[in-house]
Amino acid sequence: MDILISVSVTLVALALSSAAGIAVVGGLLRWVEPAGSGPGVLRGGTWIGVLERLAITGSVLAGHPEAVAVVLAVKGLGRYPELRAARAEHRAKATERFIIGTLASYIWAGLLGVLGLYALDQL
C-alpha cells in the first residue's frame, strides 16, 4: 500500500509541475511581457517548459537536485543560437521572455518537487 501511495504522490507532483506550470508560467509571462513580443518569439517554449519541469521535479523527487544544472545547461545551449540569431529589435524581448519564463518554470518545478518530498516524508 505504501508503494501505491508513494507512486501516487510522485505522479501528482509531476502532473501539477508540468500541467499547472503551463498556466503559472504563461500567466506570469502575459503579466510582465513587454509590448510587441508574443508567444511566437521563441518557438516550442510551452513543450520545452513542460519537459524541463518534469525533469526538474523528477530530479528533486529522486534525490538528485544537481541534475537541475544539467537541465539549465541543455536549455541555455539549445536556445543560445536562436536568441543570438534574432533580429536586433526582437533580441532583447526574446531574451527577457526566455529568462523570465525559465526562472518561473524552475521555481515552480522546484517547489512542486520539494512539496512532493514533504508529502512523501509524511507517509
PDB file of N, CA and C in Angstrom:
ATOM      1  N   MET A   1       0.823  -1.200   0.000  1.00  0.00           N
ATOM      2  CA  MET A   1       0.000   0.000   0.000  1.00  0.00           C
ATOM      3  C   MET A   1       0.865   1.260   0.000  1.00  0.00           C
ATOM      4  N   ASP A   2       1.985   1.231   0.754  1.00  0.00           N
ATOM      5  CA  ASP A   2       2.860   2.397   0.806  1.00  0.00           C
ATOM      6  C   ASP A   2       3.433   2.739  -0.555  1.00  0.00           C
ATOM      7  N   ILE A   3       3.773   1.717  -1.343  1.00  0.00           N
ATOM      8  CA  ILE A   3       4.339   1.972  -2.664  1.00  0.00           C
ATOM      9  C   ILE A   3       3.305   2.627  -3.571  1.00  0.00           C
ATOM     10  N   LEU A   4       2.052   2.229  -3.450  1.00  0.00           N
ATOM     11  CA  LEU A   4       0.984   2.820  -4.250  1.00  0.00           C
ATOM     12  C   LEU A   4       0.797   4.297  -3.885  1.00  0.00           C
ATOM     13  N   ILE A   5       0.850   4.610  -2.626  1.00  0.00           N
ATOM     14  CA  ILE A   5       0.722   5.996  -2.176  1.00  0.00           C
ATOM     15  C   ILE A   5       1.927   6.806  -2.643  1.00  0.00           C
ATOM     16  N   SER A   6       3.114   6.247  -2.541  1.00  0.00           N
ATOM     17  CA  SER A   6       4.324   6.943  -2.987  1.00  0.00           C
ATOM     18  C   SER A   6       4.279   7.235  -4.478  1.00  0.00           C
ATOM     19  N   VAL A   7       3.863   6.249  -5.257  1.00  0.00           N
ATOM     20  CA  VAL A   7       3.749   6.445  -6.704  1.00  0.00           C
ATOM     21  C   VAL A   7       2.692   7.498  -7.007  1.00  0.00           C
ATOM     22  N   SER A   8       1.585   7.460  -6.282  1.00  0.00           N
ATOM     23  CA  SER A   8       0.515   8.442  -6.493  1.00  0.00           C
ATOM     24  C   SER A   8       0.988   9.861  -6.184  1.00  0.00           C
ATOM     25  N   VAL A   9       1.691  10.037  -5.064  1.00  0.00           N
ATOM     26  CA  VAL A   9       2.208  11.358  -4.702  1.00  0.00           C
ATOM     27  C   VAL A   9       3.187  11.843  -5.763  1.00  0.00           C
ATOM     28  N   THR A  10       4.042  10.961  -6.226  1.00  0.00           N
ATOM     29  CA  THR A  10       5.027  11.318  -7.253  1.00  0.00           C
ATOM     30  C   THR A  10       4.336  11.735  -8.543  1.00  0.00           C
ATOM     31  N   LEU A  11       3.338  10.961  -8.974  1.00  0.00           N
ATOM     32  CA  LEU A  11       2.624  11.289 -10.209  1.00  0.00           C
ATOM     33  C   LEU A  11       1.846  12.600 -10.087  1.00  0.00           C
ATOM     34  N   VAL A  12       1.252  12.850  -8.938  1.00  0.00           N
ATOM     35  CA  VAL A  12       0.535  14.113  -8.727  1.00  0.00           C
ATOM     36  C   VAL A  12       1.503  15.294  -8.782  1.00  0.00           C
ATOM     37  N   ALA A  13       2.661  15.151  -8.128  1.00  0.00           N
ATOM     38  CA  ALA A  13       3.660  16.230  -8.154  1.00  0.00           C
ATOM     39  C   ALA A  13       4.136  16.495  -9.576  1.00  0.00           C
ATOM     40  N   LEU A  14       4.396  15.439 -10.343  1.00  0.00           N
ATOM     41  CA  LEU A  14       4.839  15.607 -11.727  1.00  0.00           C
ATOM     42  C   LEU A  14       3.749  16.225 -12.596  1.00  0.00           C
ATOM     43  N   ALA A  15       2.504  15.781 -12.399  1.00  0.00           N
ATOM     44  CA  ALA A  15       1.397  16.326 -13.190  1.00  0.00           C
ATOM     45  C   ALA A  15       1.162  17.799 -12.886  1.00  0.00           C
ATOM     46  N   LEU A  16       1.174  18.147 -11.610  1.00  0.00           N
ATOM     47  CA  LEU A  16       0.987  19.557 -11.243  1.00  0.00           C
ATOM     48  C   LEU A  16       2.146  20.415 -11.733  1.00  0.00           C
ATOM     49  N   SER A  17       3.336  19.875 -11.656  1.00  0.00           N
ATOM     50  CA  SER A  17       4.507  20.612 -12.114  1.00  0.00           C
ATOM     51  C   SER A  17       4.397  20.921 -13.598  1.00  0.00           C
ATOM     52  N   SER A  18       4.080  19.917 -14.385  1.00  0.00           N
ATOM     53  CA  SER A  18       4.055  20.115 -15.835  1.00  0.00           C
ATOM     54  C   SER A  18       2.791  20.830 -16.308  1.00  0.00           C
ATOM     55  N   ALA A  19       1.624  20.338 -15.932  1.00  0.00           N
ATOM     56  CA  ALA A  19       0.378  20.891 -16.460  1.00  0.00           C
ATOM     57  C   ALA A  19       0.021  22.247 -15.850  1.00  0.00           C
ATOM     58  N   ALA A  20       0.025  22.330 -14.530  1.00  0.00           N
ATOM     59  CA  ALA A  20      -0.303  23.613 -13.896  1.00  0.00           C
ATOM     60  C   ALA A  20       0.785  24.639 -14.164  1.00  0.00           C
ATOM     61  N   GLY A  21       2.004  24.158 -14.415  1.00  0.00           N
ATOM     62  CA  GLY A  21       3.101  25.059 -14.744  1.00  0.00           C
ATOM     63  C   GLY A  21       2.845  25.840 -16.018  1.00  0.00           C
ATOM     64  N   ILE A  22       2.108  25.247 -16.954  1.00  0.00           N
ATOM     65  CA  ILE A  22       1.753  25.959 -18.184  1.00  0.00           C
ATOM     66  C   ILE A  22       0.965  27.218 -17.835  1.00  0.00           C
ATOM     67  N   ALA A  23      -0.014  27.069 -16.952  1.00  0.00           N
ATOM     68  CA  ALA A  23      -0.835  28.217 -16.559  1.00  0.00           C
ATOM     69  C   ALA A  23      -0.044  29.217 -15.731  1.00  0.00           C
ATOM     70  N   VAL A  24       0.764  28.729 -14.810  1.00  0.00           N
ATOM     71  CA  VAL A  24       1.538  29.615 -13.931  1.00  0.00           C
ATOM     72  C   VAL A  24       2.542  30.440 -14.735  1.00  0.00           C
ATOM     73  N   VAL A  25       3.353  29.765 -15.532  1.00  0.00           N
ATOM     74  CA  VAL A  25       4.390  30.458 -16.303  1.00  0.00           C
ATOM     75  C   VAL A  25       3.753  31.318 -17.392  1.00  0.00           C
ATOM     76  N   GLY A  26       2.757  30.777 -18.074  1.00  0.00           N
ATOM     77  CA  GLY A  26       2.072  31.550 -19.118  1.00  0.00           C
ATOM     78  C   GLY A  26       1.412  32.797 -18.566  1.00  0.00           C
ATOM     79  N   GLY A  27       0.770  32.668 -17.414  1.00  0.00           N
ATOM     80  CA  GLY A  27       0.144  33.836 -16.784  1.00  0.00           C
ATOM     81  C   GLY A  27       1.162  34.888 -16.388  1.00  0.00           C
ATOM     82  N   LEU A  28       2.276  34.451 -15.844  1.00  0.00           N
ATOM     83  CA  LEU A  28       3.332  35.395 -15.469  1.00  0.00           C
ATOM     84  C   LEU A  28       3.893  36.101 -16.697  1.00  0.00           C
ATOM     85  N   LEU A  29       4.133  35.358 -17.775  1.00  0.00           N
ATOM     86  CA  LEU A  29       4.665  35.980 -18.985  1.00  0.00           C
ATOM     87  C   LEU A  29       3.688  36.984 -19.584  1.00  0.00           C
ATOM     88  N   ARG A  30       2.410  36.666 -19.568  1.00  0.00           N
ATOM     89  CA  ARG A  30       1.411  37.630 -20.079  1.00  0.00           C
ATOM     90  C   ARG A  30       1.375  38.882 -19.212  1.00  0.00           C
ATOM     91  N   TRP A  31       1.601  38.727 -17.927  1.00  0.00           N
ATOM     92  CA  TRP A  31       1.554  39.849 -16.996  1.00  0.00           C
ATOM     93  C   TRP A  31       2.747  40.783 -17.170  1.00  0.00           C
ATOM     94  N   VAL A  32       3.922  40.238 -17.382  1.00  0.00           N
ATOM     95  CA  VAL A  32       5.136  41.058 -17.432  1.00  0.00           C
ATOM     96  C   VAL A  32       5.671  41.298 -18.837  1.00  0.00           C
ATOM     97  N   GLU A  33       5.071  40.680 -19.826  1.00  0.00           N
ATOM     98  CA  GLU A  33       5.619  40.725 -21.170  1.00  0.00           C
ATOM     99  C   GLU A  33       5.652  42.137 -21.747  1.00  0.00           C
ATOM    100  N   PRO A  34       6.778  42.506 -22.327  1.00  0.00           N
ATOM    101  CA  PRO A  34       6.853  43.821 -22.956  1.00  0.00           C
ATOM    102  C   PRO A  34       5.933  43.892 -24.168  1.00  0.00           C
ATOM    103  N   ALA A  35       5.434  45.073 -24.424  1.00  0.00           N
ATOM    104  CA  ALA A  35       4.541  45.264 -25.568  1.00  0.00           C
ATOM    105  C   ALA A  35       5.261  44.877 -26.849  1.00  0.00           C
ATOM    106  N   GLY A  36       4.538  44.193 -27.731  1.00  0.00           N
ATOM    107  CA  GLY A  36       5.108  43.841 -29.018  1.00  0.00           C
ATOM    108  C   GLY A  36       5.742  42.464 -29.074  1.00  0.00           C
ATOM    109  N   SER A  37       5.979  41.825 -27.957  1.00  0.00           N
ATOM    110  CA  SER A  37       6.508  40.465 -28.023  1.00  0.00           C
ATOM    111  C   SER A  37       5.364  39.512 -27.762  1.00  0.00           C
ATOM    112  N   GLY A  38       5.473  38.366 -28.293  1.00  0.00           N
ATOM    113  CA  GLY A  38       4.400  37.406 -28.111  1.00  0.00           C
ATOM    114  C   GLY A  38       4.937  35.998 -28.096  1.00  0.00           C
ATOM    115  N   PRO A  39       4.036  35.034 -27.985  1.00  0.00           N
ATOM    116  CA  PRO A  39       4.450  33.651 -27.886  1.00  0.00           C
ATOM    117  C   PRO A  39       5.286  33.162 -29.065  1.00  0.00           C
ATOM    118  N   GLY A  40       5.143  33.791 -30.234  1.00  0.00           N
ATOM    119  CA  GLY A  40       5.894  33.351 -31.395  1.00  0.00           C
ATOM    120  C   GLY A  40       7.368  33.709 -31.357  1.00  0.00           C
ATOM    121  N   VAL A  41       7.794  34.501 -30.374  1.00  0.00           N
ATOM    122  CA  VAL A  41       9.188  34.940 -30.309  1.00  0.00           C
ATOM    123  C   VAL A  41      10.118  33.753 -30.128  1.00  0.00           C
ATOM    124  N   LEU A  42       9.794  32.852 -29.244  1.00  0.00           N
ATOM    125  CA  LEU A  42      10.588  31.643 -29.031  1.00  0.00           C
ATOM    126  C   LEU A  42       9.684  30.431 -29.274  1.00  0.00           C
ATOM    127  N   ARG A  43       9.911  29.747 -30.365  1.00  0.00           N
ATOM    128  CA  ARG A  43       9.049  28.631 -30.739  1.00  0.00           C
ATOM    129  C   ARG A  43       9.283  27.431 -29.841  1.00  0.00           C
ATOM    130  N   GLY A  44       8.231  26.701 -29.579  1.00  0.00           N
ATOM    131  CA  GLY A  44       8.331  25.467 -28.808  1.00  0.00           C
ATOM    132  C   GLY A  44       8.496  25.657 -27.318  1.00  0.00           C
ATOM    133  N   GLY A  45       8.347  26.882 -26.837  1.00  0.00           N
ATOM    134  CA  GLY A  45       8.583  27.176 -25.429  1.00  0.00           C
ATOM    135  C   GLY A  45       7.680  26.415 -24.476  1.00  0.00           C
ATOM    136  N   THR A  46       6.428  26.225 -24.848  1.00  0.00           N
ATOM    137  CA  THR A  46       5.496  25.520 -23.966  1.00  0.00           C
ATOM    138  C   THR A  46       5.930  24.069 -23.777  1.00  0.00           C
ATOM    139  N   TRP A  47       6.278  23.401 -24.876  1.00  0.00           N
ATOM    140  CA  TRP A  47       6.697  21.999 -24.779  1.00  0.00           C
ATOM    141  C   TRP A  47       8.018  21.855 -24.063  1.00  0.00           C
ATOM    142  N   ILE A  48       8.939  22.756 -24.351  1.00  0.00           N
ATOM    143  CA  ILE A  48      10.221  22.726 -23.654  1.00  0.00           C
ATOM    144  C   ILE A  48       9.997  22.937 -22.159  1.00  0.00           C
ATOM    145  N   GLY A  49       9.105  23.864 -21.810  1.00  0.00           N
ATOM    146  CA  GLY A  49       8.798  24.131 -20.410  1.00  0.00           C
ATOM    147  C   GLY A  49       8.221  22.921 -19.693  1.00  0.00           C
ATOM    148  N   VAL A  50       7.304  22.228 -20.351  1.00  0.00           N
ATOM    149  CA  VAL A  50       6.712  21.023 -19.756  1.00  0.00           C
ATOM    150  C   VAL A  50       7.801  19.988 -19.486  1.00  0.00           C
ATOM    151  N   LEU A  51       8.653  19.765 -20.457  1.00  0.00           N
ATOM    152  CA  LEU A  51       9.715  18.767 -20.294  1.00  0.00           C
ATOM    153  C   LEU A  51      10.724  19.172 -19.224  1.00  0.00           C
ATOM    154  N   GLU A  52      11.075  20.456 -19.185  1.00  0.00           N
ATOM    155  CA  GLU A  52      12.047  20.880 -18.162  1.00  0.00           C
ATOM    156  C   GLU A  52      11.449  20.778 -16.772  1.00  0.00           C
ATOM    157  N   ARG A  53      10.159  21.107 -16.614  1.00  0.00           N
ATOM    158  CA  ARG A  53       9.528  20.981 -15.300  1.00  0.00           C
ATOM    159  C   ARG A  53       9.452  19.517 -14.863  1.00  0.00           C
ATOM    160  N   LEU A  54       9.152  18.622 -15.798  1.00  0.00           N
ATOM    161  CA  LEU A  54       9.152  17.189 -15.463  1.00  0.00           C
ATOM    162  C   LEU A  54      10.544  16.745 -15.026  1.00  0.00           C
ATOM    163  N   ALA A  55      11.570  17.183 -15.737  1.00  0.00           N
ATOM    164  CA  ALA A  55      12.938  16.802 -15.402  1.00  0.00           C
ATOM    165  C   ALA A  55      13.355  17.359 -14.044  1.00  0.00           C
ATOM    166  N   ILE A  56      13.001  18.599 -13.776  1.00  0.00           N
ATOM    167  CA  ILE A  56      13.402  19.224 -12.509  1.00  0.00           C
ATOM    168  C   ILE A  56      12.654  18.610 -11.337  1.00  0.00           C
ATOM    169  N   THR A  57      11.342  18.524 -11.440  1.00  0.00           N
ATOM    170  CA  THR A  57      10.559  17.939 -10.350  1.00  0.00           C
ATOM    171  C   THR A  57      10.972  16.487 -10.128  1.00  0.00           C
ATOM    172  N   GLY A  58      11.162  15.756 -11.204  1.00  0.00           N
ATOM    173  CA  GLY A  58      11.597  14.365 -11.078  1.00  0.00           C
ATOM    174  C   GLY A  58      12.958  14.228 -10.436  1.00  0.00           C
ATOM    175  N   SER A  59      13.885  15.110 -10.783  1.00  0.00           N
ATOM    176  CA  SER A  59      15.224  15.013 -10.189  1.00  0.00           C
ATOM    177  C   SER A  59      15.202  15.365  -8.703  1.00  0.00           C
ATOM    178  N   VAL A  60      14.370  16.322  -8.319  1.00  0.00           N
ATOM    179  CA  VAL A  60      14.242  16.663  -6.893  1.00  0.00           C
ATOM    180  C   VAL A  60      13.612  15.491  -6.138  1.00  0.00           C
ATOM    181  N   LEU A  61      12.543  14.929  -6.699  1.00  0.00           N
ATOM    182  CA  LEU A  61      11.881  13.791  -6.050  1.00  0.00           C
ATOM    183  C   LEU A  61      12.802  12.579  -5.962  1.00  0.00           C
ATOM    184  N   ALA A  62      13.680  12.406  -6.944  1.00  0.00           N
ATOM    185  CA  ALA A  62      14.598  11.270  -6.952  1.00  0.00           C
ATOM    186  C   ALA A  62      15.816  11.494  -6.058  1.00  0.00           C
ATOM    187  N   GLY A  63      15.914  12.703  -5.496  1.00  0.00           N
ATOM    188  CA  GLY A  63      17.029  12.988  -4.611  1.00  0.00           C
ATOM    189  C   GLY A  63      18.291  13.430  -5.327  1.00  0.00           C
ATOM    190  N   HIS A  64      18.147  13.923  -6.548  1.00  0.00           N
ATOM    191  CA  HIS A  64      19.291  14.378  -7.334  1.00  0.00           C
ATOM    192  C   HIS A  64      19.056  15.803  -7.851  1.00  0.00           C
ATOM    193  N   PRO A  65      18.964  16.778  -6.947  1.00  0.00           N
ATOM    194  CA  PRO A  65      18.705  18.146  -7.395  1.00  0.00           C
ATOM    195  C   PRO A  65      19.832  18.727  -8.247  1.00  0.00           C
ATOM    196  N   GLU A  66      21.023  18.124  -8.189  1.00  0.00           N
ATOM    197  CA  GLU A  66      22.131  18.609  -9.013  1.00  0.00           C
ATOM    198  C   GLU A  66      21.842  18.447 -10.504  1.00  0.00           C
ATOM    199  N   ALA A  67      20.904  17.579 -10.847  1.00  0.00           N
ATOM    200  CA  ALA A  67      20.525  17.392 -12.250  1.00  0.00           C
ATOM    201  C   ALA A  67      19.873  18.644 -12.833  1.00  0.00           C
ATOM    202  N   VAL A  68      19.392  19.537 -11.972  1.00  0.00           N
ATOM    203  CA  VAL A  68      18.811  20.797 -12.443  1.00  0.00           C
ATOM    204  C   VAL A  68      19.854  21.588 -13.232  1.00  0.00           C
ATOM    205  N   ALA A  69      21.107  21.513 -12.822  1.00  0.00           N
ATOM    206  CA  ALA A  69      22.183  22.212 -13.540  1.00  0.00           C
ATOM    207  C   ALA A  69      22.318  21.687 -14.965  1.00  0.00           C
ATOM    208  N   VAL A  70      22.130  20.396 -15.145  1.00  0.00           N
ATOM    209  CA  VAL A  70      22.199  19.805 -16.484  1.00  0.00           C
ATOM    210  C   VAL A  70      21.040  20.310 -17.335  1.00  0.00           C
ATOM    211  N   VAL A  71      19.842  20.350 -16.763  1.00  0.00           N
ATOM    212  CA  VAL A  71      18.677  20.851 -17.488  1.00  0.00           C
ATOM    213  C   VAL A  71      18.902  22.302 -17.901  1.00  0.00           C
ATOM    214  N   LEU A  72      19.398  23.109 -16.986  1.00  0.00           N
ATOM    215  CA  LEU A  72      19.670  24.514 -17.279  1.00  0.00           C
ATOM    216  C   LEU A  72      20.703  24.656 -18.398  1.00  0.00           C
ATOM    217  N   ALA A  73      21.762  23.866 -18.343  1.00  0.00           N
ATOM    218  CA  ALA A  73      22.811  23.936 -19.369  1.00  0.00           C
ATOM    219  C   ALA A  73      22.274  23.537 -20.740  1.00  0.00           C
ATOM    220  N   VAL A  74      21.517  22.447 -20.789  1.00  0.00           N
ATOM    221  CA  VAL A  74      20.970  21.978 -22.063  1.00  0.00           C
ATOM    222  C   VAL A  74      20.031  23.025 -22.651  1.00  0.00           C
ATOM    223  N   LYS A  75      19.185  23.607 -21.820  1.00  0.00           N
ATOM    224  CA  LYS A  75      18.249  24.607 -22.325  1.00  0.00           C
ATOM    225  C   LYS A  75      18.991  25.852 -22.802  1.00  0.00           C
ATOM    226  N   GLY A  76      19.935  26.321 -22.011  1.00  0.00           N
ATOM    227  CA  GLY A  76      20.676  27.520 -22.393  1.00  0.00           C
ATOM    228  C   GLY A  76      21.455  27.327 -23.682  1.00  0.00           C
ATOM    229  N   LEU A  77      22.152  26.195 -23.789  1.00  0.00           N
ATOM    230  CA  LEU A  77      22.916  25.918 -25.003  1.00  0.00           C
ATOM    231  C   LEU A  77      21.999  25.710 -26.211  1.00  0.00           C
ATOM    232  N   GLY A  78      20.860  25.098 -25.968  1.00  0.00           N
ATOM    233  CA  GLY A  78      19.919  24.869 -27.066  1.00  0.00           C
ATOM    234  C   GLY A  78      19.263  26.135 -27.570  1.00  0.00           C
ATOM    235  N   ARG A  79      19.000  27.076 -26.695  1.00  0.00           N
ATOM    236  CA  ARG A  79      18.337  28.323 -27.081  1.00  0.00           C
ATOM    237  C   ARG A  79      19.291  29.418 -27.530  1.00  0.00           C
ATOM    238  N   TYR A  80      20.557  29.315 -27.151  1.00  0.00           N
ATOM    239  CA  TYR A  80      21.501  30.391 -27.452  1.00  0.00           C
ATOM    240  C   TYR A  80      21.543  30.762 -28.934  1.00  0.00           C
ATOM    241  N   PRO A  81      21.678  29.792 -29.850  1.00  0.00           N
ATOM    242  CA  PRO A  81      21.729  30.181 -31.268  1.00  0.00           C
ATOM    243  C   PRO A  81      20.469  30.922 -31.727  1.00  0.00           C
ATOM    244  N   GLU A  82      19.315  30.482 -31.245  1.00  0.00           N
ATOM    245  CA  GLU A  82      18.059  31.123 -31.627  1.00  0.00           C
ATOM    246  C   GLU A  82      17.981  32.549 -31.084  1.00  0.00           C
ATOM    247  N   LEU A  83      18.399  32.738 -29.839  1.00  0.00           N
ATOM    248  CA  LEU A  83      18.395  34.077 -29.251  1.00  0.00           C
ATOM    249  C   LEU A  83      19.402  34.979 -29.956  1.00  0.00           C
ATOM    250  N   ARG A  84      20.544  34.442 -30.283  1.00  0.00           N
ATOM    251  CA  ARG A  84      21.598  35.217 -30.943  1.00  0.00           C
ATOM    252  C   ARG A  84      21.197  35.604 -32.367  1.00  0.00           C
ATOM    253  N   ALA A  85      20.463  34.727 -33.048  1.00  0.00           N
ATOM    254  CA  ALA A  85      20.087  34.970 -34.437  1.00  0.00           C
ATOM    255  C   ALA A  85      18.890  35.901 -34.584  1.00  0.00           C
ATOM    256  N   ALA A  86      18.189  36.165 -33.503  1.00  0.00           N
ATOM    257  CA  ALA A  86      17.006  37.040 -33.583  1.00  0.00           C
ATOM    258  C   ALA A  86      17.416  38.426 -34.047  1.00  0.00           C
ATOM    259  N   ARG A  87      16.526  39.062 -34.771  1.00  0.00           N
ATOM    260  CA  ARG A  87      16.794  40.439 -35.210  1.00  0.00           C
ATOM    261  C   ARG A  87      16.993  41.307 -33.987  1.00  0.00           C
ATOM    262  N   ALA A  88      17.802  42.329 -34.136  1.00  0.00           N
ATOM    263  CA  ALA A  88      18.194  43.182 -33.004  1.00  0.00           C
ATOM    264  C   ALA A  88      16.990  43.728 -32.251  1.00  0.00           C
ATOM    265  N   GLU A  89      15.944  44.105 -32.966  1.00  0.00           N
ATOM    266  CA  GLU A  89      14.783  44.687 -32.284  1.00  0.00           C
ATOM    267  C   GLU A  89      13.979  43.657 -31.493  1.00  0.00           C
ATOM    268  N   HIS A  90      14.156  42.388 -31.816  1.00  0.00           N
ATOM    269  CA  HIS A  90      13.448  41.325 -31.091  1.00  0.00           C
ATOM    270  C   HIS A  90      14.335  40.624 -30.074  1.00  0.00           C
ATOM    271  N   ARG A  91      15.645  40.804 -30.156  1.00  0.00           N
ATOM    272  CA  ARG A  91      16.586  40.063 -29.313  1.00  0.00           C
ATOM    273  C   ARG A  91      16.367  40.334 -27.823  1.00  0.00           C
ATOM    274  N   ALA A  92      16.228  41.609 -27.460  1.00  0.00           N
ATOM    275  CA  ALA A  92      16.047  41.945 -26.037  1.00  0.00           C
ATOM    276  C   ALA A  92      14.739  41.365 -25.512  1.00  0.00           C
ATOM    277  N   LYS A  93      13.681  41.452 -26.302  1.00  0.00           N
ATOM    278  CA  LYS A  93      12.387  40.915 -25.880  1.00  0.00           C
ATOM    279  C   LYS A  93      12.446  39.396 -25.735  1.00  0.00           C
ATOM    280  N   ALA A  94      13.084  38.744 -26.706  1.00  0.00           N
ATOM    281  CA  ALA A  94      13.188  37.284 -26.654  1.00  0.00           C
ATOM    282  C   ALA A  94      14.033  36.836 -25.466  1.00  0.00           C
ATOM    283  N   THR A  95      15.118  37.548 -25.222  1.00  0.00           N
ATOM    284  CA  THR A  95      15.989  37.201 -24.095  1.00  0.00           C
ATOM    285  C   THR A  95      15.262  37.401 -22.773  1.00  0.00           C
ATOM    286  N   GLU A  96      14.522  38.497 -22.649  1.00  0.00           N
ATOM    287  CA  GLU A  96      13.761  38.750 -21.423  1.00  0.00           C
ATOM    288  C   GLU A  96      12.712  37.673 -21.211  1.00  0.00           C
ATOM    289  N   ARG A  97      12.005  37.308 -22.271  1.00  0.00           N
ATOM    290  CA  ARG A  97      10.990  36.263 -22.180  1.00  0.00           C
ATOM    291  C   ARG A  97      11.632  34.928 -21.770  1.00  0.00           C
ATOM    292  N   PHE A  98      12.784  34.628 -22.341  1.00  0.00           N
ATOM    293  CA  PHE A  98      13.495  33.394 -22.030  1.00  0.00           C
ATOM    294  C   PHE A  98      13.878  33.346 -20.555  1.00  0.00           C
ATOM    295  N   ILE A  99      14.448  34.420 -20.047  1.00  0.00           N
ATOM    296  CA  ILE A  99      14.909  34.447 -18.654  1.00  0.00           C
ATOM    297  C   ILE A  99      13.733  34.377 -17.680  1.00  0.00           C
ATOM    298  N   ILE A 100      12.714  35.187 -17.908  1.00  0.00           N
ATOM    299  CA  ILE A 100      11.553  35.192 -17.008  1.00  0.00           C
ATOM    300  C   ILE A 100      10.857  33.837 -17.040  1.00  0.00           C
ATOM    301  N   GLY A 101      10.615  33.311 -18.225  1.00  0.00           N
ATOM    302  CA  GLY A 101       9.939  32.026 -18.345  1.00  0.00           C
ATOM    303  C   GLY A 101      10.727  30.888 -17.720  1.00  0.00           C
ATOM    304  N   THR A 102      12.042  30.894 -17.951  1.00  0.00           N
ATOM    305  CA  THR A 102      12.893  29.838 -17.398  1.00  0.00           C
ATOM    306  C   THR A 102      12.916  29.892 -15.876  1.00  0.00           C
ATOM    307  N   LEU A 103      13.135  31.070 -15.319  1.00  0.00           N
ATOM    308  CA  LEU A 103      13.190  31.169 -13.856  1.00  0.00           C
ATOM    309  C   LEU A 103      11.851  30.819 -13.214  1.00  0.00           C
ATOM    310  N   ALA A 104      10.762  31.304 -13.791  1.00  0.00           N
ATOM    311  CA  ALA A 104       9.436  30.974 -13.242  1.00  0.00           C
ATOM    312  C   ALA A 104       9.185  29.475 -13.322  1.00  0.00           C
ATOM    313  N   SER A 105       9.554  28.876 -14.431  1.00  0.00           N
ATOM    314  CA  SER A 105       9.356  27.445 -14.616  1.00  0.00           C
ATOM    315  C   SER A 105      10.186  26.634 -13.620  1.00  0.00           C
ATOM    316  N   TYR A 106      11.445  27.032 -13.413  1.00  0.00           N
ATOM    317  CA  TYR A 106      12.320  26.314 -12.492  1.00  0.00           C
ATOM    318  C   TYR A 106      11.854  26.466 -11.049  1.00  0.00           C
ATOM    319  N   ILE A 107      11.425  27.654 -10.686  1.00  0.00           N
ATOM    320  CA  ILE A 107      10.926  27.872  -9.319  1.00  0.00           C
ATOM    321  C   ILE A 107       9.681  27.019  -9.084  1.00  0.00           C
ATOM    322  N   TRP A 108       8.763  27.010 -10.037  1.00  0.00           N
ATOM    323  CA  TRP A 108       7.541  26.220  -9.907  1.00  0.00           C
ATOM    324  C   TRP A 108       7.876  24.727  -9.796  1.00  0.00           C
ATOM    325  N   ALA A 109       8.736  24.243 -10.675  1.00  0.00           N
ATOM    326  CA  ALA A 109       9.095  22.819 -10.665  1.00  0.00           C
ATOM    327  C   ALA A 109       9.820  22.439  -9.376  1.00  0.00           C
ATOM    328  N   GLY A 110      10.732  23.289  -8.922  1.00  0.00           N
ATOM    329  CA  GLY A 110      11.438  23.026  -7.675  1.00  0.00           C
ATOM    330  C   GLY A 110      10.492  22.999  -6.492  1.00  0.00           C
ATOM    331  N   LEU A 111       9.560  23.944  -6.465  1.00  0.00           N
ATOM    332  CA  LEU A 111       8.570  23.998  -5.391  1.00  0.00           C
ATOM    333  C   LEU A 111       7.740  22.722  -5.349  1.00  0.00           C
ATOM    334  N   LEU A 112       7.271  22.261  -6.504  1.00  0.00           N
ATOM    335  CA  LEU A 112       6.470  21.028  -6.531  1.00  0.00           C
ATOM    336  C   LEU A 112       7.308  19.821  -6.136  1.00  0.00           C
ATOM    337  N   GLY A 113       8.580  19.815  -6.505  1.00  0.00           N
ATOM    338  CA  GLY A 113       9.469  18.726  -6.082  1.00  0.00           C
ATOM    339  C   GLY A 113       9.638  18.700  -4.576  1.00  0.00           C
ATOM    340  N   VAL A 114       9.860  19.867  -3.982  1.00  0.00           N
ATOM    341  CA  VAL A 114      10.022  19.954  -2.524  1.00  0.00           C
ATOM    342  C   VAL A 114       8.719  19.576  -1.818  1.00  0.00           C
ATOM    343  N   LEU A 115       7.592  20.068  -2.314  1.00  0.00           N
ATOM    344  CA  LEU A 115       6.294  19.708  -1.715  1.00  0.00           C
ATOM    345  C   LEU A 115       6.032  18.206  -1.837  1.00  0.00           C
ATOM    346  N   GLY A 116       6.421  17.632  -2.975  1.00  0.00           N
ATOM    347  CA  GLY A 116       6.280  16.185  -3.150  1.00  0.00           C
ATOM    348  C   GLY A 116       7.130  15.418  -2.153  1.00  0.00           C
ATOM    349  N   LEU A 117       8.368  15.878  -1.952  1.00  0.00           N
ATOM    350  CA  LEU A 117       9.239  15.230  -0.950  1.00  0.00           C
ATOM    351  C   LEU A 117       8.651  15.342   0.443  1.00  0.00           C
ATOM    352  N   TYR A 118       8.103  16.509   0.750  1.00  0.00           N
ATOM    353  CA  TYR A 118       7.480  16.712   2.056  1.00  0.00           C
ATOM    354  C   TYR A 118       6.310  15.739   2.237  1.00  0.00           C
ATOM    355  N   ALA A 119       5.484  15.627   1.208  1.00  0.00           N
ATOM    356  CA  ALA A 119       4.338  14.713   1.283  1.00  0.00           C
ATOM    357  C   ALA A 119       4.812  13.274   1.451  1.00  0.00           C
ATOM    358  N   LEU A 120       5.866  12.893   0.741  1.00  0.00           N
ATOM    359  CA  LEU A 120       6.384  11.527   0.876  1.00  0.00           C
ATOM    360  C   LEU A 120       6.966  11.284   2.266  1.00  0.00           C
ATOM    361  N   ASP A 121       7.580  12.292   2.844  1.00  0.00           N
ATOM    362  CA  ASP A 121       8.127  12.158   4.201  1.00  0.00           C
ATOM    363  C   ASP A 121       7.041  12.009   5.252  1.00  0.00           C
ATOM    364  N   GLN A 122       5.868  12.549   4.984  1.00  0.00           N
ATOM    365  CA  GLN A 122       4.766  12.480   5.926  1.00  0.00           C
ATOM    366  C   GLN A 122       4.061  11.128   5.929  1.00  0.00           C
ATOM    367  N   LEU A 123       4.379  10.311   4.927  1.00  0.00           N
ATOM    368  CA  LEU A 123       3.730   8.980   4.843  1.00  0.00           C
ATOM    369  C   LEU A 123       4.295   8.022   5.846  1.00  0.00           C
TER     370      LEU A 123
END
